[in-house]
Amino acid sequence: MAKLAELHNLFPALREFVKMGKPVWGTCAGLIFLANKATGQKEGGQELIGGLDCTVHRNYFGSQIQSFEAELQVPELASKEGGPETFRGVFIRAPAILEAGPEVEVLADYAIPTNKVLYSSSSVEIQEESAMPEKRVIVAVRQGKLLATAFHPELTADTRWHSYFLKMASEVEEGASSSIVAVGGVDSNPSSIQQPKFDLPIYQ
């Protein structure tokens, strides 16, 4: 993504889009793009768009073969969109947020299992010891009209994150009415939205 954006000189336009307060949702690599600061970067670093007051660790959960799925607690999503208070996150060579600023709302975090590799490189591999307290990392946040997830909601049949973003994008500016306009006569009451009975199996 970064190479393509640099090749086509898209960074100035993307940064201006974010600065204008336009709604943006970054998933996985998009989360890294939106962060103000990134660690664990590849050699030579990576250019960022910025705007999201957080520090992200690139490939925090490891390489492609360490991709996984996990049930995440998402009370804010459930309160706005209905459905269960959990969401199955699909993490593919995923990043994680290590630090978040005071204006960043944490929407989901993930508990690192005991003895799971936190992140690794050619020179270092850090593991969680069983005697240490549980460590949690942030995997979904919102700041104003910026939404970011370390996982891939589009790889499940649960569309609540997409609905959440669309409603977030339609919110009027701060200080004005916060009502949401339903398009085409669709009922905007979250409790009336039927959630899918079956999800898409990605990793077994």
N, C-alpha and C. Protein backbone atom coordinates (compact mmCIF):
# COMPACT_ATOMS: atom_id res chain seq x y z
N MET A 1 0.82 -1.20 0.00
CA MET A 1 0.00 0.00 0.00
C MET A 1 0.85 1.26 0.00
N ALA A 2 1.84 1.29 0.90
CA ALA A 2 2.69 2.47 1.00
C ALA A 2 3.47 2.69 -0.29
N LYS A 3 3.96 1.61 -0.89
CA LYS A 3 4.72 1.73 -2.12
C LYS A 3 3.86 2.29 -3.25
N LEU A 4 2.61 1.81 -3.34
CA LEU A 4 1.70 2.31 -4.38
C LEU A 4 1.35 3.78 -4.15
N ALA A 5 1.10 4.13 -2.88
CA ALA A 5 0.77 5.51 -2.57
C ALA A 5 1.93 6.44 -2.89
N GLU A 6 3.14 5.96 -2.61
CA GLU A 6 4.32 6.77 -2.90
C GLU A 6 4.56 6.86 -4.40
N LEU A 7 4.39 5.74 -5.10
CA LEU A 7 4.61 5.69 -6.54
C LEU A 7 3.70 6.67 -7.28
N HIS A 8 2.44 6.74 -6.83
CA HIS A 8 1.45 7.59 -7.51
C HIS A 8 1.26 8.93 -6.80
N ASN A 9 2.15 9.24 -5.86
CA ASN A 9 2.13 10.53 -5.17
C ASN A 9 0.77 10.82 -4.52
N LEU A 10 0.25 9.82 -3.82
CA LEU A 10 -1.08 9.95 -3.21
C LEU A 10 -1.04 10.48 -1.78
N PHE A 11 0.13 10.46 -1.15
CA PHE A 11 0.20 10.85 0.26
C PHE A 11 -0.30 12.27 0.53
N PRO A 12 0.07 13.27 -0.25
CA PRO A 12 -0.44 14.63 0.02
C PRO A 12 -1.97 14.70 -0.01
N ALA A 13 -2.59 14.05 -1.00
CA ALA A 13 -4.05 14.08 -1.11
C ALA A 13 -4.71 13.31 0.03
N LEU A 14 -4.11 12.17 0.41
CA LEU A 14 -4.68 11.37 1.50
C LEU A 14 -4.58 12.12 2.83
N ARG A 15 -3.46 12.76 3.07
CA ARG A 15 -3.30 13.52 4.32
C ARG A 15 -4.28 14.69 4.36
N GLU A 16 -4.47 15.35 3.24
CA GLU A 16 -5.41 16.47 3.18
C GLU A 16 -6.84 15.98 3.42
N PHE A 17 -7.18 14.81 2.88
CA PHE A 17 -8.51 14.23 3.06
C PHE A 17 -8.78 14.00 4.54
N VAL A 18 -7.79 13.46 5.26
CA VAL A 18 -7.95 13.20 6.69
C VAL A 18 -8.04 14.51 7.46
N LYS A 19 -7.19 15.49 7.12
CA LYS A 19 -7.19 16.77 7.82
C LYS A 19 -8.51 17.51 7.65
N MET A 20 -9.21 17.27 6.54
CA MET A 20 -10.49 17.93 6.29
C MET A 20 -11.61 17.34 7.14
N GLY A 21 -11.31 16.28 7.89
CA GLY A 21 -12.32 15.67 8.74
C GLY A 21 -13.23 14.70 8.02
N LYS A 22 -12.78 14.20 6.88
CA LYS A 22 -13.58 13.23 6.14
C LYS A 22 -13.54 11.88 6.86
N PRO A 23 -14.62 11.10 6.77
CA PRO A 23 -14.64 9.79 7.43
C PRO A 23 -13.69 8.81 6.73
N VAL A 24 -12.87 8.15 7.53
CA VAL A 24 -11.91 7.17 7.00
C VAL A 24 -11.90 5.96 7.91
N TRP A 25 -11.91 4.78 7.31
CA TRP A 25 -11.80 3.53 8.07
C TRP A 25 -10.58 2.77 7.55
N GLY A 26 -9.64 2.52 8.44
CA GLY A 26 -8.46 1.76 8.07
C GLY A 26 -8.47 0.39 8.73
N THR A 27 -8.35 -0.67 7.94
CA THR A 27 -8.28 -2.02 8.48
C THR A 27 -6.88 -2.58 8.24
N CYS A 28 -6.33 -3.22 9.25
CA CYS A 28 -5.03 -3.88 9.17
C CYS A 28 -3.95 -2.90 8.70
N ALA A 29 -3.47 -3.01 7.46
CA ALA A 29 -2.46 -2.08 6.97
C ALA A 29 -2.99 -0.65 6.96
N GLY A 30 -4.31 -0.49 6.79
CA GLY A 30 -4.91 0.83 6.83
C GLY A 30 -4.80 1.46 8.21
N LEU A 31 -4.85 0.63 9.25
CA LEU A 31 -4.64 1.11 10.62
C LEU A 31 -3.23 1.67 10.76
N ILE A 32 -2.25 0.96 10.22
CA ILE A 32 -0.86 1.44 10.27
C ILE A 32 -0.76 2.78 9.54
N PHE A 33 -1.38 2.87 8.39
CA PHE A 33 -1.37 4.10 7.59
C PHE A 33 -1.88 5.30 8.39
N LEU A 34 -2.96 5.10 9.15
CA LEU A 34 -3.61 6.21 9.85
C LEU A 34 -2.89 6.63 11.12
N ALA A 35 -2.04 5.77 11.66
CA ALA A 35 -1.37 6.05 12.93
C ALA A 35 -0.39 7.21 12.79
N ASN A 36 -0.25 7.97 13.88
CA ASN A 36 0.75 9.04 13.89
C ASN A 36 2.17 8.48 14.03
N LYS A 37 2.27 7.29 14.63
CA LYS A 37 3.59 6.70 14.85
C LYS A 37 3.50 5.19 14.70
N ALA A 38 4.52 4.59 14.09
CA ALA A 38 4.56 3.14 13.92
C ALA A 38 5.92 2.61 14.34
N THR A 39 5.93 1.46 14.99
CA THR A 39 7.16 0.79 15.37
C THR A 39 7.21 -0.58 14.69
N GLY A 40 8.38 -1.24 14.79
CA GLY A 40 8.53 -2.54 14.16
C GLY A 40 8.44 -2.47 12.65
N GLN A 41 8.83 -1.33 12.09
CA GLN A 41 8.71 -1.15 10.65
C GLN A 41 9.79 -1.92 9.89
N LYS A 42 9.52 -2.14 8.62
CA LYS A 42 10.49 -2.79 7.76
C LYS A 42 11.69 -1.86 7.56
N GLU A 43 12.77 -2.42 7.05
CA GLU A 43 13.99 -1.65 6.84
C GLU A 43 13.71 -0.45 5.94
N GLY A 44 14.17 0.71 6.37
CA GLY A 44 13.93 1.92 5.60
C GLY A 44 12.71 2.69 6.06
N GLY A 45 11.91 2.07 6.97
CA GLY A 45 10.74 2.75 7.48
C GLY A 45 9.57 2.72 6.53
N GLN A 46 8.49 3.38 6.92
CA GLN A 46 7.28 3.43 6.11
C GLN A 46 6.61 4.78 6.29
N GLU A 47 6.24 5.40 5.20
CA GLU A 47 5.57 6.68 5.26
C GLU A 47 4.14 6.48 5.75
N LEU A 48 3.66 7.41 6.57
CA LEU A 48 2.33 7.30 7.16
C LEU A 48 1.46 8.49 6.76
N ILE A 49 0.15 8.28 6.79
CA ILE A 49 -0.79 9.37 6.56
C ILE A 49 -0.98 10.16 7.85
N GLY A 50 -1.13 9.44 8.97
CA GLY A 50 -1.31 10.09 10.26
C GLY A 50 -2.74 10.57 10.47
N GLY A 51 -2.96 11.16 11.63
CA GLY A 51 -4.28 11.65 12.00
C GLY A 51 -4.85 10.95 13.21
N LEU A 52 -4.44 9.68 13.41
CA LEU A 52 -4.91 8.89 14.53
C LEU A 52 -3.84 8.93 15.63
N ASP A 53 -4.20 9.47 16.78
CA ASP A 53 -3.25 9.69 17.87
C ASP A 53 -2.93 8.38 18.58
N CYS A 54 -2.10 7.57 17.96
CA CYS A 54 -1.74 6.29 18.56
C CYS A 54 -0.40 5.81 18.01
N THR A 55 0.17 4.85 18.72
CA THR A 55 1.40 4.18 18.27
C THR A 55 1.05 2.75 17.92
N VAL A 56 1.37 2.36 16.70
CA VAL A 56 1.03 1.03 16.19
C VAL A 56 2.30 0.20 16.01
N HIS A 57 2.22 -1.08 16.36
CA HIS A 57 3.32 -2.00 16.06
C HIS A 57 2.94 -2.80 14.82
N ARG A 58 3.74 -2.64 13.79
CA ARG A 58 3.49 -3.33 12.51
C ARG A 58 3.76 -4.82 12.68
N ASN A 59 2.86 -5.67 12.17
CA ASN A 59 2.99 -7.13 12.27
C ASN A 59 3.22 -7.59 13.70
N TYR A 60 2.49 -7.00 14.63
CA TYR A 60 2.65 -7.32 16.05
C TYR A 60 2.44 -8.80 16.34
N PHE A 61 1.48 -9.41 15.66
CA PHE A 61 1.13 -10.79 15.95
C PHE A 61 1.94 -11.81 15.15
N GLY A 62 2.91 -11.35 14.39
CA GLY A 62 3.77 -12.28 13.67
C GLY A 62 3.54 -12.28 12.17
N SER A 63 4.02 -13.33 11.54
CA SER A 63 3.99 -13.43 10.08
C SER A 63 2.66 -13.98 9.58
N GLN A 64 2.58 -14.20 8.28
CA GLN A 64 1.35 -14.68 7.65
C GLN A 64 0.87 -16.00 8.25
N ILE A 65 1.79 -16.91 8.55
CA ILE A 65 1.40 -18.22 9.06
C ILE A 65 0.91 -18.15 10.50
N GLN A 66 1.08 -17.02 11.16
CA GLN A 66 0.59 -16.84 12.52
C GLN A 66 -0.75 -16.11 12.55
N SER A 67 -1.40 -16.01 11.41
CA SER A 67 -2.74 -15.42 11.36
C SER A 67 -3.70 -16.28 12.18
N PHE A 68 -4.73 -15.66 12.73
CA PHE A 68 -5.64 -16.38 13.62
C PHE A 68 -6.98 -15.66 13.71
N GLU A 69 -7.93 -16.30 14.38
CA GLU A 69 -9.23 -15.70 14.67
C GLU A 69 -9.44 -15.69 16.18
N ALA A 70 -10.19 -14.72 16.66
CA ALA A 70 -10.44 -14.63 18.10
C ALA A 70 -11.76 -13.90 18.35
N GLU A 71 -12.45 -14.31 19.41
CA GLU A 71 -13.67 -13.63 19.82
C GLU A 71 -13.30 -12.38 20.62
N LEU A 72 -13.79 -11.24 20.18
CA LEU A 72 -13.48 -9.96 20.82
C LEU A 72 -14.71 -9.42 21.53
N GLN A 73 -14.50 -8.81 22.67
CA GLN A 73 -15.58 -8.13 23.37
C GLN A 73 -15.79 -6.75 22.73
N VAL A 74 -17.02 -6.48 22.26
CA VAL A 74 -17.31 -5.22 21.55
C VAL A 74 -18.59 -4.59 22.10
N PRO A 75 -18.60 -4.19 23.37
CA PRO A 75 -19.82 -3.64 23.97
C PRO A 75 -20.33 -2.38 23.28
N GLU A 76 -19.42 -1.50 22.84
CA GLU A 76 -19.84 -0.27 22.17
C GLU A 76 -20.51 -0.59 20.84
N LEU A 77 -19.94 -1.51 20.08
CA LEU A 77 -20.53 -1.91 18.81
C LEU A 77 -21.91 -2.52 19.02
N ALA A 78 -22.02 -3.37 20.04
CA ALA A 78 -23.30 -4.03 20.32
C ALA A 78 -24.36 -3.01 20.76
N SER A 79 -23.94 -2.01 21.53
CA SER A 79 -24.91 -1.01 22.00
C SER A 79 -25.44 -0.16 20.86
N LYS A 80 -24.61 0.06 19.83
CA LYS A 80 -25.02 0.89 18.70
C LYS A 80 -25.70 0.08 17.60
N GLU A 81 -25.25 -1.15 17.40
CA GLU A 81 -25.73 -1.93 16.25
C GLU A 81 -26.54 -3.16 16.63
N GLY A 82 -26.67 -3.43 17.93
CA GLY A 82 -27.40 -4.61 18.35
C GLY A 82 -26.54 -5.86 18.20
N GLY A 83 -27.16 -7.01 18.37
CA GLY A 83 -26.44 -8.27 18.23
C GLY A 83 -25.63 -8.60 19.46
N PRO A 84 -24.83 -9.66 19.40
CA PRO A 84 -24.05 -10.11 20.55
C PRO A 84 -22.95 -9.11 20.92
N GLU A 85 -22.45 -9.22 22.14
CA GLU A 85 -21.38 -8.34 22.59
C GLU A 85 -20.00 -8.87 22.23
N THR A 86 -19.96 -9.83 21.34
CA THR A 86 -18.68 -10.35 20.84
C THR A 86 -18.66 -10.26 19.33
N PHE A 87 -17.45 -10.21 18.79
CA PHE A 87 -17.26 -10.18 17.34
C PHE A 87 -16.03 -11.03 17.03
N ARG A 88 -16.14 -11.86 16.01
CA ARG A 88 -15.01 -12.71 15.65
C ARG A 88 -14.04 -11.94 14.76
N GLY A 89 -12.88 -11.63 15.33
CA GLY A 89 -11.88 -10.89 14.58
C GLY A 89 -10.98 -11.83 13.80
N VAL A 90 -10.77 -11.51 12.53
CA VAL A 90 -9.86 -12.28 11.68
C VAL A 90 -8.57 -11.47 11.55
N PHE A 91 -7.50 -11.97 12.15
CA PHE A 91 -6.22 -11.27 12.18
C PHE A 91 -5.26 -11.91 11.18
N ILE A 92 -4.85 -11.15 10.18
CA ILE A 92 -3.95 -11.66 9.14
C ILE A 92 -2.68 -10.83 9.15
N ARG A 93 -1.60 -11.41 9.66
CA ARG A 93 -0.32 -10.68 9.78
C ARG A 93 -0.61 -9.29 10.35
N ALA A 94 -1.30 -9.29 11.47
CA ALA A 94 -1.96 -8.07 11.94
C ALA A 94 -1.08 -7.18 12.81
N PRO A 95 -1.37 -5.88 12.78
CA PRO A 95 -0.74 -4.94 13.70
C PRO A 95 -1.50 -4.89 15.01
N ALA A 96 -1.01 -4.10 15.96
CA ALA A 96 -1.72 -3.85 17.21
C ALA A 96 -1.36 -2.45 17.69
N ILE A 97 -2.27 -1.83 18.40
CA ILE A 97 -2.03 -0.49 18.94
C ILE A 97 -1.43 -0.63 20.33
N LEU A 98 -0.25 -0.06 20.52
CA LEU A 98 0.46 -0.14 21.79
C LEU A 98 0.08 1.00 22.73
N GLU A 99 -0.16 2.18 22.16
CA GLU A 99 -0.52 3.36 22.95
C GLU A 99 -1.57 4.15 22.20
N ALA A 100 -2.51 4.74 22.94
CA ALA A 100 -3.55 5.56 22.33
C ALA A 100 -3.70 6.86 23.11
N GLY A 101 -3.89 7.96 22.40
CA GLY A 101 -4.03 9.26 23.01
C GLY A 101 -5.35 9.44 23.73
N PRO A 102 -5.50 10.54 24.48
CA PRO A 102 -6.70 10.77 25.30
C PRO A 102 -7.99 10.94 24.49
N GLU A 103 -7.88 11.35 23.23
CA GLU A 103 -9.07 11.56 22.41
C GLU A 103 -9.46 10.31 21.62
N VAL A 104 -8.71 9.24 21.80
CA VAL A 104 -8.97 8.00 21.08
C VAL A 104 -9.87 7.09 21.92
N GLU A 105 -10.98 6.66 21.35
CA GLU A 105 -11.91 5.76 22.04
C GLU A 105 -11.56 4.32 21.67
N VAL A 106 -11.27 3.52 22.68
CA VAL A 106 -10.95 2.11 22.45
C VAL A 106 -12.25 1.32 22.29
N LEU A 107 -12.40 0.64 21.16
CA LEU A 107 -13.61 -0.12 20.87
C LEU A 107 -13.43 -1.62 21.09
N ALA A 108 -12.18 -2.09 21.05
CA ALA A 108 -11.92 -3.52 21.29
C ALA A 108 -10.45 -3.71 21.61
N ASP A 109 -10.18 -4.66 22.51
CA ASP A 109 -8.80 -5.05 22.76
C ASP A 109 -8.72 -6.57 22.77
N TYR A 110 -7.50 -7.07 22.87
CA TYR A 110 -7.29 -8.51 22.76
C TYR A 110 -6.29 -8.95 23.83
N ALA A 111 -6.65 -10.01 24.55
CA ALA A 111 -5.77 -10.55 25.58
C ALA A 111 -4.78 -11.52 24.94
N ILE A 112 -3.49 -11.26 25.14
CA ILE A 112 -2.47 -12.14 24.59
C ILE A 112 -2.44 -13.45 25.37
N PRO A 113 -2.67 -14.59 24.71
CA PRO A 113 -2.63 -15.88 25.42
C PRO A 113 -1.26 -16.13 26.04
N THR A 114 -1.23 -16.90 27.13
CA THR A 114 0.01 -17.24 27.79
C THR A 114 0.95 -17.95 26.83
N ASN A 115 2.22 -17.52 26.84
CA ASN A 115 3.29 -18.10 26.02
C ASN A 115 3.11 -17.85 24.53
N LYS A 116 2.21 -16.95 24.15
CA LYS A 116 2.07 -16.61 22.73
C LYS A 116 3.15 -15.62 22.34
N VAL A 117 3.72 -15.80 21.16
CA VAL A 117 4.72 -14.86 20.67
C VAL A 117 4.05 -13.51 20.44
N LEU A 118 4.56 -12.47 21.09
CA LEU A 118 3.98 -11.15 20.94
C LEU A 118 4.42 -10.52 19.62
N TYR A 119 5.71 -10.55 19.35
CA TYR A 119 6.20 -10.15 18.04
C TYR A 119 7.61 -10.68 17.90
N SER A 120 8.05 -10.82 16.67
CA SER A 120 9.35 -11.42 16.44
C SER A 120 10.01 -10.78 15.24
N SER A 121 11.32 -10.91 15.19
CA SER A 121 12.10 -10.47 14.05
C SER A 121 13.29 -11.40 13.94
N SER A 122 14.20 -11.08 13.06
CA SER A 122 15.37 -11.94 12.89
C SER A 122 16.28 -11.90 14.11
N SER A 123 16.12 -10.86 14.95
CA SER A 123 17.04 -10.68 16.07
C SER A 123 16.40 -10.87 17.44
N VAL A 124 15.07 -10.82 17.51
CA VAL A 124 14.43 -10.89 18.82
C VAL A 124 13.08 -11.57 18.71
N GLU A 125 12.75 -12.33 19.72
CA GLU A 125 11.42 -12.94 19.82
C GLU A 125 10.98 -12.80 21.26
N ILE A 126 9.86 -12.15 21.49
CA ILE A 126 9.37 -11.90 22.84
C ILE A 126 8.12 -12.73 23.09
N GLN A 127 8.12 -13.47 24.19
CA GLN A 127 6.99 -14.30 24.54
C GLN A 127 6.43 -13.87 25.88
N GLU A 128 5.14 -14.15 26.06
CA GLU A 128 4.47 -13.89 27.33
C GLU A 128 4.72 -15.08 28.24
N GLU A 129 5.28 -14.85 29.41
CA GLU A 129 5.53 -15.93 30.36
C GLU A 129 4.28 -16.19 31.18
N SER A 130 4.08 -17.44 31.56
CA SER A 130 2.87 -17.83 32.28
C SER A 130 2.76 -17.14 33.63
N ALA A 131 3.89 -16.74 34.22
CA ALA A 131 3.86 -16.12 35.54
C ALA A 131 3.53 -14.64 35.46
N MET A 132 3.56 -14.07 34.27
CA MET A 132 3.31 -12.64 34.12
C MET A 132 1.81 -12.37 34.03
N PRO A 133 1.36 -11.18 34.44
CA PRO A 133 -0.06 -10.86 34.34
C PRO A 133 -0.50 -10.77 32.88
N GLU A 134 -1.80 -10.94 32.67
CA GLU A 134 -2.35 -10.91 31.32
C GLU A 134 -2.06 -9.58 30.64
N LYS A 135 -1.63 -9.64 29.40
CA LYS A 135 -1.35 -8.43 28.64
C LYS A 135 -2.44 -8.26 27.58
N ARG A 136 -2.93 -7.04 27.44
CA ARG A 136 -3.94 -6.75 26.45
C ARG A 136 -3.43 -5.67 25.51
N VAL A 137 -3.74 -5.83 24.23
CA VAL A 137 -3.39 -4.82 23.25
C VAL A 137 -4.67 -4.34 22.57
N ILE A 138 -4.64 -3.11 22.09
CA ILE A 138 -5.81 -2.50 21.47
C ILE A 138 -5.89 -2.90 20.00
N VAL A 139 -7.09 -3.28 19.55
CA VAL A 139 -7.24 -3.74 18.17
C VAL A 139 -8.34 -3.01 17.40
N ALA A 140 -9.07 -2.10 18.05
CA ALA A 140 -10.07 -1.30 17.34
C ALA A 140 -10.26 0.02 18.08
N VAL A 141 -10.25 1.12 17.33
CA VAL A 141 -10.38 2.44 17.94
C VAL A 141 -11.19 3.37 17.04
N ARG A 142 -11.63 4.46 17.67
CA ARG A 142 -12.25 5.55 16.92
C ARG A 142 -11.74 6.87 17.48
N GLN A 143 -11.46 7.80 16.58
CA GLN A 143 -11.11 9.16 16.97
C GLN A 143 -11.81 10.11 16.00
N GLY A 144 -12.86 10.76 16.48
CA GLY A 144 -13.63 11.62 15.59
C GLY A 144 -14.24 10.81 14.46
N LYS A 145 -13.89 11.16 13.23
CA LYS A 145 -14.40 10.43 12.06
C LYS A 145 -13.40 9.43 11.51
N LEU A 146 -12.41 9.07 12.34
CA LEU A 146 -11.46 8.03 11.95
C LEU A 146 -11.78 6.75 12.71
N LEU A 147 -11.91 5.66 11.98
CA LEU A 147 -12.15 4.34 12.56
C LEU A 147 -11.01 3.44 12.12
N ALA A 148 -10.52 2.60 13.02
CA ALA A 148 -9.41 1.71 12.66
C ALA A 148 -9.56 0.37 13.35
N THR A 149 -9.34 -0.70 12.60
CA THR A 149 -9.40 -2.06 13.15
C THR A 149 -8.17 -2.82 12.70
N ALA A 150 -7.58 -3.59 13.62
CA ALA A 150 -6.41 -4.41 13.29
C ALA A 150 -6.81 -5.69 12.57
N PHE A 151 -8.08 -6.03 12.64
CA PHE A 151 -8.61 -7.26 12.04
C PHE A 151 -9.43 -6.91 10.80
N HIS A 152 -9.99 -7.94 10.16
CA HIS A 152 -10.70 -7.78 8.88
C HIS A 152 -12.19 -8.12 9.03
N PRO A 153 -13.04 -7.14 9.35
CA PRO A 153 -14.48 -7.41 9.45
C PRO A 153 -15.10 -7.87 8.14
N GLU A 154 -14.51 -7.49 7.01
CA GLU A 154 -15.08 -7.85 5.71
C GLU A 154 -14.96 -9.34 5.41
N LEU A 155 -14.19 -10.07 6.22
CA LEU A 155 -14.03 -11.51 6.01
C LEU A 155 -14.98 -12.33 6.87
N THR A 156 -15.98 -11.68 7.44
CA THR A 156 -17.03 -12.39 8.16
C THR A 156 -18.38 -11.96 7.59
N ALA A 157 -19.43 -12.66 7.98
CA ALA A 157 -20.78 -12.31 7.53
C ALA A 157 -21.43 -11.28 8.45
N ASP A 158 -20.76 -10.90 9.52
CA ASP A 158 -21.28 -9.92 10.47
C ASP A 158 -20.97 -8.52 9.94
N THR A 159 -22.00 -7.77 9.58
CA THR A 159 -21.81 -6.46 8.93
C THR A 159 -21.92 -5.29 9.90
N ARG A 160 -21.87 -5.55 11.19
CA ARG A 160 -22.09 -4.46 12.14
C ARG A 160 -21.02 -3.38 12.09
N TRP A 161 -19.76 -3.74 11.85
CA TRP A 161 -18.72 -2.71 11.75
C TRP A 161 -18.97 -1.81 10.54
N HIS A 162 -19.44 -2.39 9.45
CA HIS A 162 -19.73 -1.60 8.26
C HIS A 162 -20.89 -0.63 8.54
N SER A 163 -21.92 -1.13 9.22
CA SER A 163 -23.05 -0.28 9.57
C SER A 163 -22.62 0.82 10.52
N TYR A 164 -21.77 0.47 11.48
CA TYR A 164 -21.25 1.45 12.45
C TYR A 164 -20.50 2.57 11.73
N PHE A 165 -19.67 2.19 10.75
CA PHE A 165 -18.89 3.20 10.03
C PHE A 165 -19.79 4.10 9.19
N LEU A 166 -20.78 3.51 8.52
CA LEU A 166 -21.68 4.32 7.69
C LEU A 166 -22.45 5.33 8.53
N LYS A 167 -22.89 4.91 9.71
CA LYS A 167 -23.60 5.83 10.60
C LYS A 167 -22.65 6.88 11.16
N MET A 168 -21.42 6.47 11.47
CA MET A 168 -20.41 7.40 11.95
C MET A 168 -20.13 8.46 10.89
N ALA A 169 -20.05 8.02 9.63
CA ALA A 169 -19.76 8.94 8.54
C ALA A 169 -20.89 9.92 8.29
N SER A 170 -22.12 9.52 8.64
CA SER A 170 -23.27 10.38 8.38
C SER A 170 -23.56 11.34 9.52
N GLU A 171 -22.83 11.20 10.61
CA GLU A 171 -23.05 12.11 11.73
C GLU A 171 -22.68 13.53 11.33
N VAL A 172 -23.48 14.48 11.78
CA VAL A 172 -23.20 15.88 11.47
C VAL A 172 -22.08 16.39 12.36
N GLU A 173 -21.56 17.55 12.06
CA GLU A 173 -20.44 18.10 12.80
C GLU A 173 -20.80 18.33 14.26
N GLU A 174 -19.78 18.34 15.11
CA GLU A 174 -19.96 18.51 16.55
C GLU A 174 -20.70 19.80 16.85
N GLY A 175 -21.67 19.70 17.75
CA GLY A 175 -22.45 20.86 18.14
C GLY A 175 -23.80 20.92 17.46
N ALA A 176 -23.97 20.17 16.37
CA ALA A 176 -25.25 20.13 15.67
C ALA A 176 -26.01 18.89 16.10
N SER A 177 -27.18 18.68 15.48
CA SER A 177 -27.99 17.51 15.81
C SER A 177 -27.24 16.24 15.50
N SER A 178 -27.37 15.24 16.36
CA SER A 178 -26.66 13.97 16.17
C SER A 178 -27.57 12.89 15.62
N SER A 179 -28.76 13.28 15.14
CA SER A 179 -29.70 12.29 14.63
C SER A 179 -29.18 11.68 13.33
N ILE A 180 -29.52 10.44 13.09
CA ILE A 180 -29.11 9.72 11.90
C ILE A 180 -30.31 9.62 10.96
N VAL A 181 -30.10 9.95 9.71
CA VAL A 181 -31.18 9.89 8.73
C VAL A 181 -31.14 8.53 8.06
N ALA A 182 -32.26 7.82 8.12
CA ALA A 182 -32.35 6.52 7.46
C ALA A 182 -32.66 6.73 5.99
N VAL A 183 -31.91 6.08 5.12
CA VAL A 183 -32.08 6.24 3.68
C VAL A 183 -33.03 5.17 3.16
N GLY A 184 -33.97 5.59 2.31
CA GLY A 184 -34.87 4.64 1.68
C GLY A 184 -35.86 4.01 2.62
N GLY A 185 -36.14 4.67 3.75
CA GLY A 185 -37.13 4.17 4.67
C GLY A 185 -36.66 3.00 5.50
N VAL A 186 -35.35 2.77 5.56
CA VAL A 186 -34.82 1.65 6.35
C VAL A 186 -34.90 1.99 7.82
N ASP A 187 -35.35 1.05 8.63
CA ASP A 187 -35.45 1.25 10.07
C ASP A 187 -34.06 1.39 10.65
N SER A 188 -33.77 2.54 11.31
CA SER A 188 -32.44 2.79 11.85
C SER A 188 -32.29 2.32 13.28
N ASN A 189 -33.31 1.65 13.83
CA ASN A 189 -33.22 1.14 15.19
C ASN A 189 -32.31 -0.08 15.23
N PRO A 190 -31.15 0.01 15.95
CA PRO A 190 -30.20 -1.11 15.94
C PRO A 190 -30.81 -2.42 16.40
N SER A 191 -31.78 -2.37 17.33
CA SER A 191 -32.35 -3.60 17.86
C SER A 191 -33.16 -4.35 16.82
N SER A 192 -33.55 -3.65 15.74
CA SER A 192 -34.38 -4.30 14.71
C SER A 192 -33.54 -4.95 13.63
N ILE A 193 -32.21 -4.74 13.66
CA ILE A 193 -31.34 -5.29 12.64
C ILE A 193 -31.08 -6.76 12.92
N GLN A 194 -31.39 -7.61 11.97
CA GLN A 194 -31.18 -9.04 12.15
C GLN A 194 -29.74 -9.39 11.81
N GLN A 195 -29.07 -10.05 12.73
CA GLN A 195 -27.69 -10.46 12.51
C GLN A 195 -27.67 -11.83 11.84
N PRO A 196 -26.64 -12.11 11.03
CA PRO A 196 -26.57 -13.39 10.33
C PRO A 196 -26.46 -14.56 11.29
N LYS A 197 -27.12 -15.67 10.94
CA LYS A 197 -27.08 -16.85 11.78
C LYS A 197 -25.77 -17.61 11.59
N PHE A 198 -25.16 -17.46 10.42
CA PHE A 198 -23.95 -18.19 10.13
C PHE A 198 -22.83 -17.23 9.74
N ASP A 199 -21.63 -17.59 10.13
CA ASP A 199 -20.48 -16.77 9.79
C ASP A 199 -19.65 -17.50 8.74
N LEU A 200 -18.72 -16.79 8.16
CA LEU A 200 -17.88 -17.37 7.13
C LEU A 200 -16.64 -18.00 7.76
N PRO A 201 -16.42 -19.28 7.60
CA PRO A 201 -15.21 -19.89 8.18
C PRO A 201 -13.98 -19.46 7.40
N ILE A 202 -13.01 -18.92 8.11
CA ILE A 202 -11.76 -18.50 7.47
C ILE A 202 -10.63 -19.42 7.89
N TYR A 203 -10.39 -19.47 9.21
CA TYR A 203 -9.35 -20.35 9.74
C TYR A 203 -10.01 -21.35 10.68
N GLN A 204 -9.72 -22.60 10.51
CA GLN A 204 -10.30 -23.64 11.36
C GLN A 204 -9.25 -24.14 12.35
